[in-house]
Amino acid sequence: MMLRAGLTGGIASGKSTVGKNFARLGARVIDADAVVAALYRTGEAGYRAIVSRYGEDVLRSDGEIDRARLSAVALATGESAAELNALIHPLVIAEEARMIREDENSATDGIVIVEATLLLESGGRERYERIIVVDLDPETQLERAVLRGLDREEALRRIARQISREERLRHADYVIDNRGTPRETLEQTCEVYAKLEADLRDMKEAAAR
């Protein structure tokens, strides 16, 4: 039996770091960004969908998708961003579901965690038994996004396109506050993982009754 959990948070909240911590603790972690990258490879479903919608202007000279150029075109407005998400999200969700089924078909029990920025926006509350939110106050979030190289205005636009912090927290089963040190974040991640293990035990006991 597998417990399926979704891991989310705003941009620059530290989801990837928390995801790596979960992987070290023993979880099977699926990175939605890596799934998108695989789908964007030449000939894959995402690639075909992108070229069909946006044409070859979003391709590099080697024929691969130029993600910076695609972002400039497809994420220019809230409406265009929603159109891209509607095009790609179903493909990403289907691939994540396939990967989870592979884990569920294995002989071992465990915890599978899907890490995605727009997890709740794409209906993740219904797909996972538990939702984990990596939380950060907006000021620190913006500061860290800029430190990572994002233009301030672009960071603000991306933050505005995501659901609010309050709405994200409303859906959370577990929250990891990432304002502190890496050690503090790791300690919280360990605490949440122990709770997920307990949740999995409860699921197995309920199934055995």
N, C-alpha and C. Protein backbone atom coordinates (compact mmCIF):
# COMPACT_ATOMS: atom_id res chain seq x y z
N MET A 1 0.85 -1.20 0.00
CA MET A 1 0.00 0.00 0.00
C MET A 1 0.88 1.24 0.00
N MET A 2 0.46 2.24 -0.78
CA MET A 2 1.19 3.50 -0.85
C MET A 2 0.31 4.63 -0.31
N LEU A 3 0.89 5.49 0.50
CA LEU A 3 0.23 6.73 0.88
C LEU A 3 0.68 7.79 -0.11
N ARG A 4 -0.27 8.46 -0.74
CA ARG A 4 0.03 9.48 -1.74
C ARG A 4 -0.09 10.86 -1.11
N ALA A 5 0.99 11.63 -1.20
CA ALA A 5 0.99 12.98 -0.62
C ALA A 5 1.42 13.99 -1.67
N GLY A 6 0.86 15.19 -1.58
CA GLY A 6 1.26 16.29 -2.45
C GLY A 6 2.06 17.30 -1.65
N LEU A 7 3.16 17.76 -2.22
CA LEU A 7 4.03 18.74 -1.58
C LEU A 7 4.00 20.01 -2.41
N THR A 8 3.62 21.12 -1.81
CA THR A 8 3.50 22.35 -2.58
C THR A 8 3.90 23.56 -1.74
N GLY A 9 3.91 24.70 -2.40
CA GLY A 9 4.29 25.97 -1.78
C GLY A 9 4.52 26.97 -2.89
N GLY A 10 4.61 28.24 -2.56
CA GLY A 10 4.84 29.26 -3.56
C GLY A 10 6.25 29.18 -4.13
N ILE A 11 6.52 29.99 -5.16
CA ILE A 11 7.86 30.01 -5.74
C ILE A 11 8.86 30.45 -4.66
N ALA A 12 10.04 29.86 -4.70
CA ALA A 12 11.13 30.19 -3.79
C ALA A 12 10.80 29.87 -2.33
N SER A 13 9.81 28.98 -2.11
CA SER A 13 9.45 28.63 -0.74
C SER A 13 10.36 27.56 -0.16
N GLY A 14 11.08 26.85 -1.03
CA GLY A 14 11.98 25.80 -0.55
C GLY A 14 11.43 24.40 -0.73
N LYS A 15 10.46 24.24 -1.63
CA LYS A 15 9.87 22.91 -1.86
C LYS A 15 10.90 21.88 -2.28
N SER A 16 11.81 22.27 -3.17
CA SER A 16 12.79 21.30 -3.68
C SER A 16 13.69 20.79 -2.56
N THR A 17 14.11 21.69 -1.68
CA THR A 17 14.94 21.29 -0.54
C THR A 17 14.18 20.33 0.36
N VAL A 18 12.93 20.65 0.65
CA VAL A 18 12.11 19.76 1.49
C VAL A 18 11.88 18.43 0.79
N GLY A 19 11.66 18.47 -0.53
CA GLY A 19 11.48 17.23 -1.27
C GLY A 19 12.71 16.33 -1.19
N LYS A 20 13.88 16.93 -1.28
CA LYS A 20 15.12 16.15 -1.16
C LYS A 20 15.25 15.56 0.24
N ASN A 21 14.84 16.33 1.24
CA ASN A 21 14.86 15.81 2.62
C ASN A 21 13.95 14.59 2.75
N PHE A 22 12.76 14.68 2.16
CA PHE A 22 11.83 13.55 2.21
C PHE A 22 12.42 12.33 1.51
N ALA A 23 13.08 12.56 0.39
CA ALA A 23 13.69 11.44 -0.35
C ALA A 23 14.77 10.76 0.50
N ARG A 24 15.55 11.55 1.21
CA ARG A 24 16.59 10.97 2.07
C ARG A 24 15.98 10.17 3.22
N LEU A 25 14.78 10.55 3.63
CA LEU A 25 14.11 9.85 4.72
C LEU A 25 13.46 8.55 4.25
N GLY A 26 13.36 8.38 2.93
CA GLY A 26 12.82 7.13 2.41
C GLY A 26 11.60 7.25 1.53
N ALA A 27 11.10 8.47 1.31
CA ALA A 27 9.93 8.64 0.45
C ALA A 27 10.32 8.52 -1.02
N ARG A 28 9.38 8.13 -1.84
CA ARG A 28 9.53 8.19 -3.29
C ARG A 28 9.02 9.55 -3.71
N VAL A 29 9.89 10.43 -4.19
CA VAL A 29 9.52 11.80 -4.53
C VAL A 29 9.49 11.98 -6.04
N ILE A 30 8.37 12.48 -6.54
CA ILE A 30 8.19 12.77 -7.95
C ILE A 30 8.19 14.29 -8.12
N ASP A 31 9.15 14.81 -8.87
CA ASP A 31 9.29 16.24 -9.09
C ASP A 31 8.52 16.62 -10.35
N ALA A 32 7.47 17.42 -10.21
CA ALA A 32 6.64 17.80 -11.35
C ALA A 32 7.46 18.53 -12.42
N ASP A 33 8.45 19.32 -12.01
CA ASP A 33 9.29 20.02 -12.98
C ASP A 33 10.06 19.03 -13.84
N ALA A 34 10.54 17.95 -13.22
CA ALA A 34 11.26 16.92 -13.98
C ALA A 34 10.32 16.20 -14.93
N VAL A 35 9.06 16.00 -14.51
CA VAL A 35 8.07 15.38 -15.38
C VAL A 35 7.81 16.28 -16.59
N VAL A 36 7.68 17.57 -16.36
CA VAL A 36 7.47 18.52 -17.46
C VAL A 36 8.65 18.48 -18.42
N ALA A 37 9.87 18.50 -17.87
CA ALA A 37 11.06 18.47 -18.71
C ALA A 37 11.08 17.23 -19.60
N ALA A 38 10.67 16.09 -19.05
CA ALA A 38 10.62 14.85 -19.84
C ALA A 38 9.56 14.94 -20.93
N LEU A 39 8.42 15.53 -20.60
CA LEU A 39 7.33 15.65 -21.58
C LEU A 39 7.67 16.65 -22.69
N TYR A 40 8.60 17.57 -22.41
CA TYR A 40 8.99 18.57 -23.40
C TYR A 40 10.07 18.07 -24.36
N ARG A 41 10.58 16.88 -24.13
CA ARG A 41 11.61 16.36 -25.03
C ARG A 41 11.01 16.12 -26.41
N THR A 42 11.86 16.23 -27.42
CA THR A 42 11.42 16.09 -28.81
C THR A 42 10.61 14.82 -29.01
N GLY A 43 9.42 14.98 -29.57
CA GLY A 43 8.58 13.85 -29.89
C GLY A 43 7.63 13.42 -28.79
N GLU A 44 7.86 13.89 -27.56
CA GLU A 44 6.98 13.51 -26.45
C GLU A 44 5.66 14.29 -26.52
N ALA A 45 4.70 13.86 -25.70
CA ALA A 45 3.35 14.43 -25.78
C ALA A 45 3.34 15.94 -25.52
N GLY A 46 4.10 16.38 -24.53
CA GLY A 46 4.15 17.81 -24.23
C GLY A 46 4.77 18.61 -25.36
N TYR A 47 5.81 18.06 -25.94
CA TYR A 47 6.48 18.71 -27.07
C TYR A 47 5.50 18.90 -28.22
N ARG A 48 4.78 17.84 -28.54
CA ARG A 48 3.83 17.91 -29.66
C ARG A 48 2.73 18.93 -29.38
N ALA A 49 2.25 18.97 -28.14
CA ALA A 49 1.20 19.91 -27.78
C ALA A 49 1.69 21.35 -27.87
N ILE A 50 2.91 21.60 -27.41
CA ILE A 50 3.48 22.95 -27.43
C ILE A 50 3.69 23.42 -28.87
N VAL A 51 4.29 22.60 -29.69
CA VAL A 51 4.56 22.99 -31.08
C VAL A 51 3.26 23.19 -31.84
N SER A 52 2.28 22.34 -31.56
CA SER A 52 0.99 22.48 -32.23
C SER A 52 0.32 23.80 -31.87
N ARG A 53 0.47 24.23 -30.61
CA ARG A 53 -0.19 25.47 -30.17
C ARG A 53 0.61 26.72 -30.47
N TYR A 54 1.93 26.68 -30.25
CA TYR A 54 2.73 27.90 -30.35
C TYR A 54 3.64 27.96 -31.57
N GLY A 55 3.76 26.84 -32.29
CA GLY A 55 4.58 26.84 -33.49
C GLY A 55 6.06 26.68 -33.19
N GLU A 56 6.85 26.74 -34.22
CA GLU A 56 8.29 26.49 -34.09
C GLU A 56 9.06 27.70 -33.57
N ASP A 57 8.38 28.81 -33.34
CA ASP A 57 9.06 30.00 -32.80
C ASP A 57 9.55 29.78 -31.38
N VAL A 58 9.01 28.76 -30.69
CA VAL A 58 9.44 28.51 -29.30
C VAL A 58 10.48 27.41 -29.24
N LEU A 59 11.05 27.05 -30.39
CA LEU A 59 12.09 26.02 -30.43
C LEU A 59 13.47 26.65 -30.53
N ARG A 60 14.47 25.94 -29.98
CA ARG A 60 15.86 26.34 -30.15
C ARG A 60 16.34 25.87 -31.52
N SER A 61 17.56 26.24 -31.86
CA SER A 61 18.11 25.85 -33.16
C SER A 61 18.28 24.34 -33.29
N ASP A 62 18.40 23.64 -32.13
CA ASP A 62 18.54 22.19 -32.18
C ASP A 62 17.19 21.46 -32.18
N GLY A 63 16.10 22.23 -32.22
CA GLY A 63 14.78 21.64 -32.29
C GLY A 63 14.11 21.40 -30.95
N GLU A 64 14.86 21.59 -29.86
CA GLU A 64 14.27 21.41 -28.52
C GLU A 64 13.48 22.66 -28.13
N ILE A 65 12.55 22.49 -27.19
CA ILE A 65 11.76 23.62 -26.73
C ILE A 65 12.66 24.59 -25.95
N ASP A 66 12.58 25.86 -26.29
CA ASP A 66 13.28 26.91 -25.57
C ASP A 66 12.34 27.38 -24.47
N ARG A 67 12.57 26.91 -23.24
CA ARG A 67 11.62 27.18 -22.16
C ARG A 67 11.57 28.65 -21.79
N ALA A 68 12.67 29.37 -21.95
CA ALA A 68 12.65 30.81 -21.68
C ALA A 68 11.78 31.53 -22.71
N ARG A 69 11.91 31.14 -23.96
CA ARG A 69 11.10 31.76 -25.02
C ARG A 69 9.64 31.38 -24.86
N LEU A 70 9.40 30.11 -24.50
CA LEU A 70 8.01 29.68 -24.27
C LEU A 70 7.39 30.46 -23.13
N SER A 71 8.14 30.66 -22.05
CA SER A 71 7.62 31.42 -20.91
C SER A 71 7.29 32.85 -21.30
N ALA A 72 8.15 33.46 -22.12
CA ALA A 72 7.93 34.84 -22.54
C ALA A 72 6.64 34.97 -23.33
N VAL A 73 6.34 33.95 -24.12
CA VAL A 73 5.13 33.97 -24.95
C VAL A 73 3.90 33.54 -24.16
N ALA A 74 4.03 32.41 -23.47
CA ALA A 74 2.86 31.78 -22.86
C ALA A 74 2.52 32.30 -21.47
N LEU A 75 3.46 32.93 -20.80
CA LEU A 75 3.21 33.41 -19.44
C LEU A 75 3.14 34.93 -19.37
N ALA A 76 2.91 35.56 -20.51
CA ALA A 76 2.89 37.02 -20.57
C ALA A 76 1.72 37.61 -19.78
N THR A 77 0.60 36.92 -19.77
CA THR A 77 -0.59 37.39 -19.05
C THR A 77 -1.19 36.23 -18.26
N GLY A 78 -2.09 36.58 -17.37
CA GLY A 78 -2.75 35.54 -16.61
C GLY A 78 -3.55 34.60 -17.50
N GLU A 79 -4.16 35.16 -18.55
CA GLU A 79 -4.97 34.35 -19.46
C GLU A 79 -4.09 33.39 -20.26
N SER A 80 -2.95 33.88 -20.74
CA SER A 80 -2.08 33.01 -21.52
C SER A 80 -1.44 31.94 -20.64
N ALA A 81 -1.15 32.29 -19.38
CA ALA A 81 -0.60 31.30 -18.46
C ALA A 81 -1.62 30.21 -18.19
N ALA A 82 -2.89 30.60 -18.02
CA ALA A 82 -3.94 29.61 -17.79
C ALA A 82 -4.09 28.69 -19.00
N GLU A 83 -3.91 29.24 -20.19
CA GLU A 83 -4.02 28.44 -21.42
C GLU A 83 -2.90 27.39 -21.48
N LEU A 84 -1.69 27.81 -21.13
CA LEU A 84 -0.57 26.86 -21.12
C LEU A 84 -0.80 25.77 -20.08
N ASN A 85 -1.26 26.18 -18.90
CA ASN A 85 -1.51 25.19 -17.84
C ASN A 85 -2.59 24.19 -18.27
N ALA A 86 -3.64 24.69 -18.92
CA ALA A 86 -4.71 23.80 -19.38
C ALA A 86 -4.20 22.82 -20.43
N LEU A 87 -3.19 23.23 -21.18
CA LEU A 87 -2.61 22.38 -22.22
C LEU A 87 -1.71 21.30 -21.63
N ILE A 88 -0.90 21.68 -20.63
CA ILE A 88 0.15 20.80 -20.11
C ILE A 88 -0.24 20.03 -18.86
N HIS A 89 -1.01 20.65 -17.98
CA HIS A 89 -1.32 19.99 -16.71
C HIS A 89 -1.94 18.60 -16.86
N PRO A 90 -2.91 18.40 -17.76
CA PRO A 90 -3.46 17.04 -17.89
C PRO A 90 -2.41 16.00 -18.26
N LEU A 91 -1.44 16.38 -19.08
CA LEU A 91 -0.37 15.46 -19.47
C LEU A 91 0.53 15.15 -18.27
N VAL A 92 0.85 16.17 -17.50
CA VAL A 92 1.69 15.99 -16.31
C VAL A 92 0.98 15.12 -15.28
N ILE A 93 -0.29 15.40 -15.03
CA ILE A 93 -1.05 14.64 -14.05
C ILE A 93 -1.14 13.17 -14.46
N ALA A 94 -1.36 12.94 -15.75
CA ALA A 94 -1.45 11.55 -16.24
C ALA A 94 -0.13 10.81 -16.05
N GLU A 95 0.98 11.49 -16.31
CA GLU A 95 2.29 10.84 -16.16
C GLU A 95 2.60 10.59 -14.68
N GLU A 96 2.27 11.56 -13.82
CA GLU A 96 2.46 11.34 -12.38
C GLU A 96 1.63 10.16 -11.90
N ALA A 97 0.38 10.06 -12.39
CA ALA A 97 -0.49 8.94 -11.99
C ALA A 97 0.10 7.61 -12.44
N ARG A 98 0.68 7.59 -13.64
CA ARG A 98 1.32 6.36 -14.12
C ARG A 98 2.48 5.96 -13.23
N MET A 99 3.30 6.94 -12.84
CA MET A 99 4.44 6.65 -11.98
C MET A 99 3.98 6.16 -10.60
N ILE A 100 2.91 6.74 -10.09
CA ILE A 100 2.40 6.32 -8.79
C ILE A 100 1.85 4.89 -8.88
N ARG A 101 1.17 4.57 -9.97
CA ARG A 101 0.64 3.21 -10.15
C ARG A 101 1.78 2.19 -10.15
N GLU A 102 2.90 2.55 -10.76
CA GLU A 102 4.05 1.65 -10.75
C GLU A 102 4.48 1.35 -9.32
N ASP A 103 4.51 2.40 -8.49
CA ASP A 103 4.89 2.21 -7.09
C ASP A 103 3.85 1.37 -6.36
N GLU A 104 2.58 1.63 -6.64
CA GLU A 104 1.52 0.90 -5.95
C GLU A 104 1.51 -0.58 -6.33
N ASN A 105 2.00 -0.87 -7.53
CA ASN A 105 2.04 -2.26 -7.98
C ASN A 105 3.24 -3.03 -7.44
N SER A 106 4.14 -2.32 -6.76
CA SER A 106 5.30 -2.99 -6.18
C SER A 106 4.88 -3.75 -4.93
N ALA A 107 5.72 -4.62 -4.48
CA ALA A 107 5.39 -5.46 -3.32
C ALA A 107 5.57 -4.74 -1.99
N THR A 108 6.22 -3.60 -2.00
CA THR A 108 6.54 -2.92 -0.75
C THR A 108 5.57 -1.77 -0.47
N ASP A 109 5.36 -1.49 0.82
CA ASP A 109 4.56 -0.33 1.23
C ASP A 109 5.47 0.90 1.25
N GLY A 110 4.86 2.06 1.22
CA GLY A 110 5.69 3.25 1.28
C GLY A 110 4.89 4.53 1.10
N ILE A 111 5.63 5.62 1.00
CA ILE A 111 5.06 6.96 0.86
C ILE A 111 5.56 7.56 -0.44
N VAL A 112 4.66 7.99 -1.30
CA VAL A 112 5.04 8.66 -2.53
C VAL A 112 4.58 10.11 -2.44
N ILE A 113 5.49 11.02 -2.74
CA ILE A 113 5.22 12.46 -2.62
C ILE A 113 5.44 13.12 -3.97
N VAL A 114 4.41 13.84 -4.44
CA VAL A 114 4.53 14.61 -5.68
C VAL A 114 4.78 16.07 -5.31
N GLU A 115 5.90 16.61 -5.78
CA GLU A 115 6.27 17.99 -5.50
C GLU A 115 5.89 18.86 -6.70
N ALA A 116 5.02 19.85 -6.48
CA ALA A 116 4.57 20.71 -7.59
C ALA A 116 4.13 22.06 -7.07
N THR A 117 4.52 23.11 -7.78
CA THR A 117 4.14 24.46 -7.38
C THR A 117 2.64 24.67 -7.52
N LEU A 118 2.07 24.27 -8.64
CA LEU A 118 0.64 24.50 -8.91
C LEU A 118 -0.20 23.26 -8.59
N LEU A 119 0.18 22.54 -7.58
CA LEU A 119 -0.49 21.28 -7.24
C LEU A 119 -1.94 21.51 -6.85
N LEU A 120 -2.21 22.49 -6.02
CA LEU A 120 -3.58 22.75 -5.60
C LEU A 120 -4.39 23.40 -6.71
N GLU A 121 -3.74 24.27 -7.49
CA GLU A 121 -4.43 24.92 -8.59
C GLU A 121 -4.90 23.91 -9.64
N SER A 122 -4.22 22.77 -9.72
CA SER A 122 -4.57 21.76 -10.71
C SER A 122 -5.40 20.61 -10.11
N GLY A 123 -6.03 20.85 -8.95
CA GLY A 123 -6.93 19.86 -8.37
C GLY A 123 -6.26 18.82 -7.50
N GLY A 124 -5.08 19.12 -6.97
CA GLY A 124 -4.33 18.14 -6.20
C GLY A 124 -4.98 17.70 -4.91
N ARG A 125 -5.85 18.52 -4.33
CA ARG A 125 -6.50 18.14 -3.08
C ARG A 125 -7.25 16.82 -3.23
N GLU A 126 -7.82 16.58 -4.42
CA GLU A 126 -8.60 15.37 -4.66
C GLU A 126 -7.72 14.17 -5.01
N ARG A 127 -6.47 14.40 -5.42
CA ARG A 127 -5.64 13.30 -5.90
C ARG A 127 -4.77 12.67 -4.81
N TYR A 128 -4.63 13.35 -3.67
CA TYR A 128 -3.69 12.88 -2.66
C TYR A 128 -4.36 12.76 -1.30
N GLU A 129 -3.89 11.75 -0.53
CA GLU A 129 -4.44 11.57 0.82
C GLU A 129 -3.99 12.68 1.77
N ARG A 130 -2.79 13.21 1.55
CA ARG A 130 -2.28 14.27 2.41
C ARG A 130 -1.67 15.39 1.57
N ILE A 131 -1.83 16.62 2.05
CA ILE A 131 -1.22 17.78 1.41
C ILE A 131 -0.24 18.41 2.39
N ILE A 132 1.00 18.59 1.93
CA ILE A 132 2.06 19.22 2.74
C ILE A 132 2.38 20.56 2.10
N VAL A 133 2.33 21.62 2.88
CA VAL A 133 2.62 22.96 2.37
C VAL A 133 3.91 23.47 3.00
N VAL A 134 4.84 23.89 2.15
CA VAL A 134 6.04 24.59 2.62
C VAL A 134 5.69 26.06 2.64
N ASP A 135 5.68 26.64 3.82
CA ASP A 135 5.16 28.00 3.99
C ASP A 135 6.28 29.02 4.19
N LEU A 136 6.03 30.20 3.63
CA LEU A 136 6.98 31.31 3.74
C LEU A 136 6.18 32.59 3.66
N ASP A 137 6.52 33.58 4.47
CA ASP A 137 5.83 34.85 4.38
C ASP A 137 6.16 35.53 3.05
N PRO A 138 5.26 36.34 2.50
CA PRO A 138 5.45 36.92 1.18
C PRO A 138 6.72 37.75 1.02
N GLU A 139 7.11 38.47 2.06
CA GLU A 139 8.30 39.30 1.96
C GLU A 139 9.56 38.46 1.78
N THR A 140 9.69 37.40 2.59
CA THR A 140 10.85 36.51 2.48
C THR A 140 10.81 35.75 1.16
N GLN A 141 9.62 35.35 0.74
CA GLN A 141 9.46 34.64 -0.52
C GLN A 141 9.99 35.49 -1.69
N LEU A 142 9.58 36.75 -1.72
CA LEU A 142 10.02 37.64 -2.79
C LEU A 142 11.53 37.87 -2.73
N GLU A 143 12.04 38.05 -1.52
CA GLU A 143 13.49 38.27 -1.34
C GLU A 143 14.28 37.07 -1.85
N ARG A 144 13.83 35.86 -1.53
CA ARG A 144 14.55 34.67 -1.97
C ARG A 144 14.43 34.46 -3.47
N ALA A 145 13.26 34.80 -4.03
CA ALA A 145 13.08 34.66 -5.48
C ALA A 145 14.06 35.58 -6.23
N VAL A 146 14.23 36.78 -5.73
CA VAL A 146 15.17 37.73 -6.37
C VAL A 146 16.60 37.25 -6.21
N LEU A 147 16.93 36.72 -5.03
CA LEU A 147 18.27 36.20 -4.80
C LEU A 147 18.59 35.04 -5.74
N ARG A 148 17.56 34.31 -6.16
CA ARG A 148 17.76 33.19 -7.09
C ARG A 148 17.89 33.66 -8.54
N GLY A 149 17.74 34.96 -8.76
CA GLY A 149 17.96 35.48 -10.11
C GLY A 149 16.73 35.96 -10.84
N LEU A 150 15.56 35.84 -10.21
CA LEU A 150 14.35 36.31 -10.86
C LEU A 150 14.26 37.83 -10.77
N ASP A 151 13.83 38.45 -11.84
CA ASP A 151 13.53 39.87 -11.81
C ASP A 151 12.38 40.10 -10.81
N ARG A 152 12.48 41.19 -10.06
CA ARG A 152 11.48 41.45 -9.02
C ARG A 152 10.06 41.49 -9.58
N GLU A 153 9.88 42.18 -10.69
CA GLU A 153 8.55 42.29 -11.27
C GLU A 153 8.04 40.94 -11.76
N GLU A 154 8.94 40.14 -12.34
CA GLU A 154 8.55 38.82 -12.80
C GLU A 154 8.18 37.93 -11.62
N ALA A 155 8.94 38.04 -10.53
CA ALA A 155 8.62 37.26 -9.32
C ALA A 155 7.25 37.64 -8.79
N LEU A 156 6.95 38.94 -8.76
CA LEU A 156 5.64 39.39 -8.29
C LEU A 156 4.53 38.88 -9.18
N ARG A 157 4.77 38.86 -10.50
CA ARG A 157 3.76 38.34 -11.42
C ARG A 157 3.50 36.87 -11.17
N ARG A 158 4.56 36.10 -10.96
CA ARG A 158 4.39 34.66 -10.73
C ARG A 158 3.67 34.40 -9.42
N ILE A 159 4.02 35.16 -8.40
CA ILE A 159 3.36 35.00 -7.10
C ILE A 159 1.87 35.31 -7.24
N ALA A 160 1.55 36.36 -8.00
CA ALA A 160 0.15 36.78 -8.17
C ALA A 160 -0.68 35.74 -8.90
N ARG A 161 -0.03 34.91 -9.76
CA ARG A 161 -0.76 33.90 -10.53
C ARG A 161 -1.04 32.64 -9.71
N GLN A 162 -0.41 32.52 -8.55
CA GLN A 162 -0.64 31.36 -7.70
C GLN A 162 -1.74 31.67 -6.69
N ILE A 163 -2.32 30.62 -6.11
CA ILE A 163 -3.34 30.86 -5.10
C ILE A 163 -2.70 31.56 -3.90
N SER A 164 -3.51 32.19 -3.10
CA SER A 164 -2.99 32.97 -1.99
C SER A 164 -2.39 32.05 -0.92
N ARG A 165 -1.54 32.63 -0.11
CA ARG A 165 -0.93 31.89 1.00
C ARG A 165 -2.02 31.34 1.91
N GLU A 166 -3.05 32.15 2.18
CA GLU A 166 -4.13 31.74 3.07
C GLU A 166 -4.89 30.54 2.50
N GLU A 167 -5.16 30.57 1.20
CA GLU A 167 -5.88 29.47 0.57
C GLU A 167 -5.03 28.20 0.57
N ARG A 168 -3.73 28.35 0.31
CA ARG A 168 -2.83 27.18 0.32
C ARG A 168 -2.82 26.53 1.70
N LEU A 169 -2.70 27.36 2.74
CA LEU A 169 -2.66 26.83 4.10
C LEU A 169 -3.99 26.19 4.50
N ARG A 170 -5.08 26.69 3.94
CA ARG A 170 -6.39 26.14 4.27
C ARG A 170 -6.50 24.67 3.84
N HIS A 171 -5.79 24.30 2.79
CA HIS A 171 -5.84 22.94 2.26
C HIS A 171 -4.80 22.02 2.91
N ALA A 172 -3.91 22.57 3.72
CA ALA A 172 -2.77 21.80 4.23
C ALA A 172 -3.17 20.83 5.33
N ASP A 173 -2.67 19.61 5.23
CA ASP A 173 -2.74 18.68 6.35
C ASP A 173 -1.54 18.89 7.26
N TYR A 174 -0.39 19.19 6.65
CA TYR A 174 0.84 19.44 7.40
C TYR A 174 1.53 20.66 6.81
N VAL A 175 2.13 21.47 7.66
CA VAL A 175 2.82 22.70 7.23
C VAL A 175 4.26 22.66 7.72
N ILE A 176 5.18 23.00 6.82
CA ILE A 176 6.59 23.15 7.16
C ILE A 176 6.94 24.62 6.99
N ASP A 177 7.26 25.27 8.09
CA ASP A 177 7.61 26.70 8.08
C ASP A 177 9.08 26.82 7.71
N ASN A 178 9.35 27.42 6.55
CA ASN A 178 10.72 27.47 6.03
C ASN A 178 11.38 28.83 6.22
N ARG A 179 10.98 29.56 7.24
CA ARG A 179 11.62 30.85 7.50
C ARG A 179 12.95 30.70 8.23
N GLY A 180 13.17 29.56 8.84
CA GLY A 180 14.34 29.39 9.69
C GLY A 180 15.55 28.83 8.98
N THR A 181 16.40 28.16 9.73
CA THR A 181 17.64 27.60 9.20
C THR A 181 17.36 26.28 8.49
N PRO A 182 18.28 25.82 7.65
CA PRO A 182 18.11 24.50 7.03
C PRO A 182 17.91 23.39 8.05
N ARG A 183 18.59 23.48 9.17
CA ARG A 183 18.44 22.45 10.21
C ARG A 183 17.02 22.45 10.77
N GLU A 184 16.48 23.63 10.99
CA GLU A 184 15.11 23.72 11.51
C GLU A 184 14.11 23.16 10.51
N THR A 185 14.35 23.45 9.23
CA THR A 185 13.47 22.90 8.19
C THR A 185 13.56 21.38 8.14
N LEU A 186 14.78 20.85 8.26
CA LEU A 186 14.97 19.40 8.26
C LEU A 186 14.26 18.77 9.45
N GLU A 187 14.35 19.39 10.61
CA GLU A 187 13.69 18.84 11.80
C GLU A 187 12.18 18.78 11.60
N GLN A 188 11.61 19.82 11.01
CA GLN A 188 10.17 19.82 10.74
C GLN A 188 9.81 18.75 9.71
N THR A 189 10.68 18.59 8.70
CA THR A 189 10.44 17.57 7.67
C THR A 189 10.43 16.18 8.30
N CYS A 190 11.35 15.92 9.21
CA CYS A 190 11.39 14.63 9.90
C CYS A 190 10.11 14.41 10.71
N GLU A 191 9.63 15.46 11.36
CA GLU A 191 8.40 15.36 12.14
C GLU A 191 7.21 15.03 11.24
N VAL A 192 7.13 15.71 10.10
CA VAL A 192 6.03 15.45 9.17
C VAL A 192 6.13 14.04 8.59
N TYR A 193 7.35 13.60 8.28
CA TYR A 193 7.52 12.26 7.73
C TYR A 193 7.06 11.20 8.73
N ALA A 194 7.35 11.41 10.00
CA ALA A 194 6.89 10.47 11.03
C ALA A 194 5.36 10.42 11.06
N LYS A 195 4.72 11.57 10.87
CA LYS A 195 3.26 11.61 10.84
C LYS A 195 2.73 10.89 9.60
N LEU A 196 3.41 11.04 8.47
CA LEU A 196 2.99 10.33 7.26
C LEU A 196 3.12 8.82 7.44
N GLU A 197 4.19 8.39 8.11
CA GLU A 197 4.36 6.96 8.38
C GLU A 197 3.22 6.46 9.27
N ALA A 198 2.82 7.27 10.25
CA ALA A 198 1.71 6.89 11.11
C ALA A 198 0.41 6.83 10.31
N ASP A 199 0.24 7.79 9.40
CA ASP A 199 -0.95 7.79 8.53
C ASP A 199 -0.99 6.52 7.68
N LEU A 200 0.15 6.11 7.17
CA LEU A 200 0.22 4.90 6.35
C LEU A 200 -0.14 3.67 7.19
N ARG A 201 0.35 3.61 8.40
CA ARG A 201 0.00 2.49 9.29
C ARG A 201 -1.50 2.44 9.54
N ASP A 202 -2.09 3.62 9.76
CA ASP A 202 -3.54 3.69 9.99
C ASP A 202 -4.30 3.21 8.76
N MET A 203 -3.84 3.60 7.58
CA MET A 203 -4.48 3.16 6.34
C MET A 203 -4.44 1.65 6.20
N LYS A 204 -3.28 1.07 6.51
CA LYS A 204 -3.12 -0.38 6.39
C LYS A 204 -4.01 -1.12 7.39
N GLU A 205 -4.09 -0.58 8.62
CA GLU A 205 -4.94 -1.21 9.63
C GLU A 205 -6.41 -1.13 9.23
N ALA A 206 -6.81 0.01 8.68
CA ALA A 206 -8.20 0.18 8.25
C ALA A 206 -8.54 -0.77 7.11
N ALA A 207 -7.57 -0.96 6.19
CA ALA A 207 -7.79 -1.85 5.05
C ALA A 207 -7.88 -3.31 5.49
N ALA A 208 -7.21 -3.64 6.61
CA ALA A 208 -7.19 -5.02 7.07
C ALA A 208 -8.42 -5.41 7.87
N ARG A 209 -9.21 -4.42 8.27
CA ARG A 209 -10.39 -4.73 9.10
C ARG A 209 -11.48 -5.40 8.27
